Structure formats: C-alpha cells, structure tokens
Amino acid sequence: SVAQIIEGDMANLTAAKLLAIPGESNFSGLKTDLSCLPQLRKEKWRILLDASKLACSPGALDLKSCCADFTVVSFYKIFGYPTGLGALLARHDAAPLL
C-alpha cells in the first residue's frame, strides 16, 4: 500500500520527498485509497495526485478534503476529445515550491 512507503529506508530521507499517485487506474478502474495522504503529509511527503480520471467522475474528487499538494487533470478525460490541454492545481501552501 502507499502507506508502506513511509516505512524503512524511505522514512529516513532528509531531502524533499515527492510521491506521485494515480487517483484511478485507466486499466482496471480501481480507485486509490486516499485516506493515507494525511499521514504521508505528516511525514513531510509532498503529494502529486493524478486526478485525470477522477475529474470526469461526478463526486469522485473533493479537493477541499483531499490533502494533495499538487493535482493534475487532463481536459481530454473531461471533454472526451484530444485537446492537448491539462492543468496543474497547487495548494496555496505548496505553490512557492514550484
């Protein structure tokens, strides 16, 4: 699970830590359990959530309750045709890191 990443050798890193996770699998449709994100943030991890597939599912993503530092979305997934556009959303406190 994602929570296991904070154990072992990875827990002792002193450099910036960034974890990129998919919100939902394109292949299987399985959604990632995002309940571990607050614990990862407590351990000084920065979280990038790929919410491209979640963004097109009504009610699947609530950015107020999701504590990801960065969230990416693809307008292709939302509008259904290739636009070549997407967005990177950053939490206010994470924006200075860009």
Protein backbone atom coordinates (compact mmCIF):
# COMPACT_ATOMS: atom_id res chain seq x y z
CA SER A 1 0.00 0.00 0.00
CA VAL A 2 1.00 3.62 -0.34
CA ALA A 3 1.29 3.94 3.44
CA GLN A 4 4.13 1.39 3.47
CA ILE A 5 6.32 3.85 1.56
CA ILE A 6 6.87 5.87 4.72
CA GLU A 7 8.46 2.87 6.42
CA GLY A 8 12.01 1.53 6.09
CA ASP A 9 14.75 3.37 4.21
CA MET A 10 12.34 5.89 2.68
CA ALA A 11 11.36 7.24 6.11
CA ASN A 12 14.91 8.44 6.79
CA LEU A 13 15.33 10.66 3.73
CA THR A 14 16.25 14.24 4.56
CA ALA A 15 15.74 15.63 1.06
CA ALA A 16 12.39 16.70 -0.30
CA LYS A 17 10.09 13.75 -0.83
CA LEU A 18 7.50 13.71 -3.61
CA LEU A 19 5.05 10.88 -4.16
CA ALA A 20 3.01 10.80 -7.38
CA ILE A 21 -0.07 8.60 -7.22
CA PRO A 22 -2.89 7.91 -9.67
CA GLY A 23 -6.39 8.66 -8.43
CA GLU A 24 -7.91 5.91 -10.54
CA SER A 25 -6.47 3.26 -12.83
CA ASN A 26 -7.21 3.64 -16.54
CA PHE A 27 -6.78 -0.11 -16.94
CA SER A 28 -8.80 -1.59 -14.10
CA GLY A 29 -10.88 1.36 -12.89
CA LEU A 30 -9.69 0.78 -9.31
CA LYS A 31 -9.56 3.95 -7.24
CA THR A 32 -6.60 4.64 -4.97
CA ASP A 33 -7.37 4.81 -1.26
CA LEU A 34 -6.55 8.43 -0.48
CA SER A 35 -7.11 8.06 3.28
CA CYS A 36 -3.37 7.62 3.86
CA LEU A 37 -2.48 11.04 2.43
CA PRO A 38 -2.77 12.95 5.74
CA GLN A 39 -0.27 10.56 7.35
CA LEU A 40 2.13 10.97 4.44
CA ARG A 41 1.90 14.75 4.77
CA LYS A 42 2.72 14.45 8.49
CA GLU A 43 5.85 12.55 7.46
CA LYS A 44 6.85 15.55 5.28
CA TRP A 45 5.92 13.94 1.96
CA ARG A 46 4.64 16.15 -0.84
CA ILE A 47 1.82 14.50 -2.80
CA LEU A 48 1.09 14.83 -6.52
CA LEU A 49 -2.29 13.31 -7.37
CA ASP A 50 -3.06 12.40 -10.96
CA ALA A 51 -6.78 13.08 -10.91
CA SER A 52 -7.32 12.93 -14.67
CA LYS A 53 -9.74 10.03 -14.46
CA LEU A 54 -11.26 11.10 -11.13
CA ALA A 55 -12.07 14.57 -12.50
CA CYS A 56 -14.52 13.09 -15.02
CA SER A 57 -16.42 11.07 -12.38
CA PRO A 58 -19.11 13.17 -10.66
CA GLY A 59 -18.45 13.45 -6.94
CA ALA A 60 -15.27 11.36 -7.08
CA LEU A 61 -12.88 14.16 -6.14
CA ASP A 62 -13.27 16.78 -3.45
CA LEU A 63 -10.18 18.97 -3.44
CA LYS A 64 -11.15 20.50 -0.08
CA SER A 65 -10.93 17.13 1.64
CA CYS A 66 -8.02 15.77 -0.42
CA CYS A 67 -4.71 16.90 1.01
CA ALA A 68 -2.63 16.51 -2.16
CA ASP A 69 -0.13 19.32 -2.64
CA PHE A 70 -0.43 19.15 -6.42
CA THR A 71 -3.21 17.75 -8.57
CA VAL A 72 -3.08 17.23 -12.33
CA VAL A 73 -6.05 16.87 -14.64
CA SER A 74 -6.35 16.24 -18.36
CA PHE A 75 -9.04 18.06 -20.29
CA TYR A 76 -9.10 15.11 -22.70
CA LYS A 77 -10.62 12.98 -19.95
CA ILE A 78 -13.18 15.65 -19.08
CA PHE A 79 -14.28 16.73 -22.56
CA GLY A 80 -13.78 13.43 -24.39
CA TYR A 81 -11.64 14.54 -27.30
CA PRO A 82 -7.92 15.33 -27.55
CA THR A 83 -7.27 18.98 -26.74
CA GLY A 84 -3.64 18.75 -25.68
CA LEU A 85 -4.56 20.76 -22.58
CA GLY A 86 -4.44 19.97 -18.92
CA ALA A 87 -3.91 21.73 -15.63
CA LEU A 88 -1.68 21.57 -12.60
CA LEU A 89 -3.51 22.66 -9.46
CA ALA A 90 -1.37 23.58 -6.46
CA ARG A 91 -2.37 24.03 -2.84
CA HIS A 92 -1.75 27.57 -1.69
CA ASP A 93 0.97 26.48 0.75
CA ALA A 94 2.69 24.31 -1.90
CA ALA A 95 2.72 26.92 -4.70
CA PRO A 96 6.04 28.51 -3.57
CA LEU A 97 7.74 25.15 -4.23
CA LEU A 98 7.10 25.44 -7.97
